[in-house]
Amino acid sequence: MSIEKLEKQVEDLMEKRDELEENCDTLPQCQEENGCTTCEIYAKIEKIDQQIEELEDTIESLIPEED
C-alpha cells in the first residue's frame, strides 16, 4: 500500500476520532469521575488511536531513512 493511501487512512481516522470525542464531551457519564472507563465511545476512540498508531508505524517503516 502506498504511503499516500496510508496517510489518507490516518487522516480519515483522525476525523472520525474528533467527531467521537466531540460527542463524548456532551455525555452525562463523562462528567462523572472515571466515566471514561465505562464509556463505549471512549473505547472506540482508544481503538481508533491504536489503529492510527499502527498506521503511523507502517508509514514510518516505509519511509527510507536519511543519513
C-alpha atoms as a PDB file:
ATOM      1  CA  MET A   1       0.000   0.000   0.000  1.00  0.00           C
ATOM      2  CA  SER A   2       1.314   3.427  -0.839  1.00  0.00           C
ATOM      3  CA  ILE A   3       2.325   5.956   1.784  1.00  0.00           C
ATOM      4  CA  GLU A   4      -0.293   8.372   0.424  1.00  0.00           C
ATOM      5  CA  LYS A   5      -3.087   5.854   0.980  1.00  0.00           C
ATOM      6  CA  LEU A   6      -1.861   5.133   4.484  1.00  0.00           C
ATOM      7  CA  GLU A   7      -1.694   8.853   5.269  1.00  0.00           C
ATOM      8  CA  LYS A   8      -5.248   9.267   3.951  1.00  0.00           C
ATOM      9  CA  GLN A   9      -6.402   6.451   6.247  1.00  0.00           C
ATOM     10  CA  VAL A  10      -4.748   8.187   9.202  1.00  0.00           C
ATOM     11  CA  GLU A  11      -6.450  11.445   8.244  1.00  0.00           C
ATOM     12  CA  ASP A  12      -9.861   9.753   7.978  1.00  0.00           C
ATOM     13  CA  LEU A  13      -9.399   8.041  11.340  1.00  0.00           C
ATOM     14  CA  MET A  14      -8.389  11.348  12.944  1.00  0.00           C
ATOM     15  CA  GLU A  15     -11.589  12.965  11.661  1.00  0.00           C
ATOM     16  CA  LYS A  16     -13.698  10.086  12.964  1.00  0.00           C
ATOM     17  CA  ARG A  17     -11.892  10.305  16.301  1.00  0.00           C
ATOM     18  CA  ASP A  18     -12.544  14.047  16.558  1.00  0.00           C
ATOM     19  CA  GLU A  19     -16.253  13.519  15.878  1.00  0.00           C
ATOM     20  CA  LEU A  20     -16.474  10.840  18.561  1.00  0.00           C
ATOM     21  CA  GLU A  21     -14.568  13.000  21.019  1.00  0.00           C
ATOM     22  CA  GLU A  22     -16.989  15.896  20.474  1.00  0.00           C
ATOM     23  CA  ASN A  23     -19.906  13.569  21.292  1.00  0.00           C
ATOM     24  CA  CYS A  24     -18.073  12.137  24.261  1.00  0.00           C
ATOM     25  CA  ASP A  25     -17.728  15.572  25.850  1.00  0.00           C
ATOM     26  CA  THR A  26     -21.505  16.015  25.906  1.00  0.00           C
ATOM     27  CA  LEU A  27     -22.426  12.706  27.569  1.00  0.00           C
ATOM     28  CA  PRO A  28     -23.625  12.852  31.195  1.00  0.00           C
ATOM     29  CA  GLN A  29     -21.397   9.957  32.272  1.00  0.00           C
ATOM     30  CA  CYS A  30     -18.358  11.876  31.011  1.00  0.00           C
ATOM     31  CA  GLN A  31     -18.984  14.435  33.736  1.00  0.00           C
ATOM     32  CA  GLU A  32     -18.549  11.731  36.376  1.00  0.00           C
ATOM     33  CA  GLU A  33     -15.194  10.731  37.780  1.00  0.00           C
ATOM     34  CA  ASN A  34     -13.874   7.666  35.920  1.00  0.00           C
ATOM     35  CA  GLY A  35     -16.773   7.983  33.461  1.00  0.00           C
ATOM     36  CA  CYS A  36     -14.461   7.176  30.565  1.00  0.00           C
ATOM     37  CA  THR A  37     -13.830   3.654  31.831  1.00  0.00           C
ATOM     38  CA  THR A  38     -17.455   2.682  31.158  1.00  0.00           C
ATOM     39  CA  CYS A  39     -17.986   4.788  28.037  1.00  0.00           C
ATOM     40  CA  GLU A  40     -18.432   2.918  24.740  1.00  0.00           C
ATOM     41  CA  ILE A  41     -17.461   5.992  22.742  1.00  0.00           C
ATOM     42  CA  TYR A  42     -14.223   6.280  24.691  1.00  0.00           C
ATOM     43  CA  ALA A  43     -13.482   2.632  23.902  1.00  0.00           C
ATOM     44  CA  LYS A  44     -13.990   3.391  20.208  1.00  0.00           C
ATOM     45  CA  ILE A  45     -11.653   6.385  20.491  1.00  0.00           C
ATOM     46  CA  GLU A  46      -8.981   4.186  22.077  1.00  0.00           C
ATOM     47  CA  LYS A  47      -9.367   1.629  19.288  1.00  0.00           C
ATOM     48  CA  ILE A  48      -9.009   4.360  16.665  1.00  0.00           C
ATOM     49  CA  ASP A  49      -5.919   5.683  18.456  1.00  0.00           C
ATOM     50  CA  GLN A  50      -4.408   2.219  18.270  1.00  0.00           C
ATOM     51  CA  GLN A  51      -5.201   1.947  14.549  1.00  0.00           C
ATOM     52  CA  ILE A  52      -3.649   5.376  13.939  1.00  0.00           C
ATOM     53  CA  GLU A  53      -0.509   4.366  15.821  1.00  0.00           C
ATOM     54  CA  GLU A  54      -0.189   1.163  13.802  1.00  0.00           C
ATOM     55  CA  LEU A  55      -0.646   3.032  10.508  1.00  0.00           C
ATOM     56  CA  GLU A  56       1.909   5.649  11.521  1.00  0.00           C
ATOM     57  CA  ASP A  57       4.381   2.890  12.396  1.00  0.00           C
ATOM     58  CA  THR A  58       3.784   1.329   8.976  1.00  0.00           C
ATOM     59  CA  ILE A  59       4.298   4.693   7.253  1.00  0.00           C
ATOM     60  CA  GLU A  60       7.498   5.244   9.215  1.00  0.00           C
ATOM     61  CA  SER A  61       8.809   1.846   8.186  1.00  0.00           C
ATOM     62  CA  LEU A  62       8.114   2.632   4.531  1.00  0.00           C
ATOM     63  CA  ILE A  63       9.890   5.975   4.527  1.00  0.00           C
ATOM     64  CA  PRO A  64      13.586   5.497   3.746  1.00  0.00           C
ATOM     65  CA  GLU A  65      15.862   6.843   6.437  1.00  0.00           C
ATOM     66  CA  GLU A  66      18.036   9.806   5.536  1.00  0.00           C
ATOM     67  CA  ASP A  67      21.638   9.685   6.650  1.00  0.00           C
END
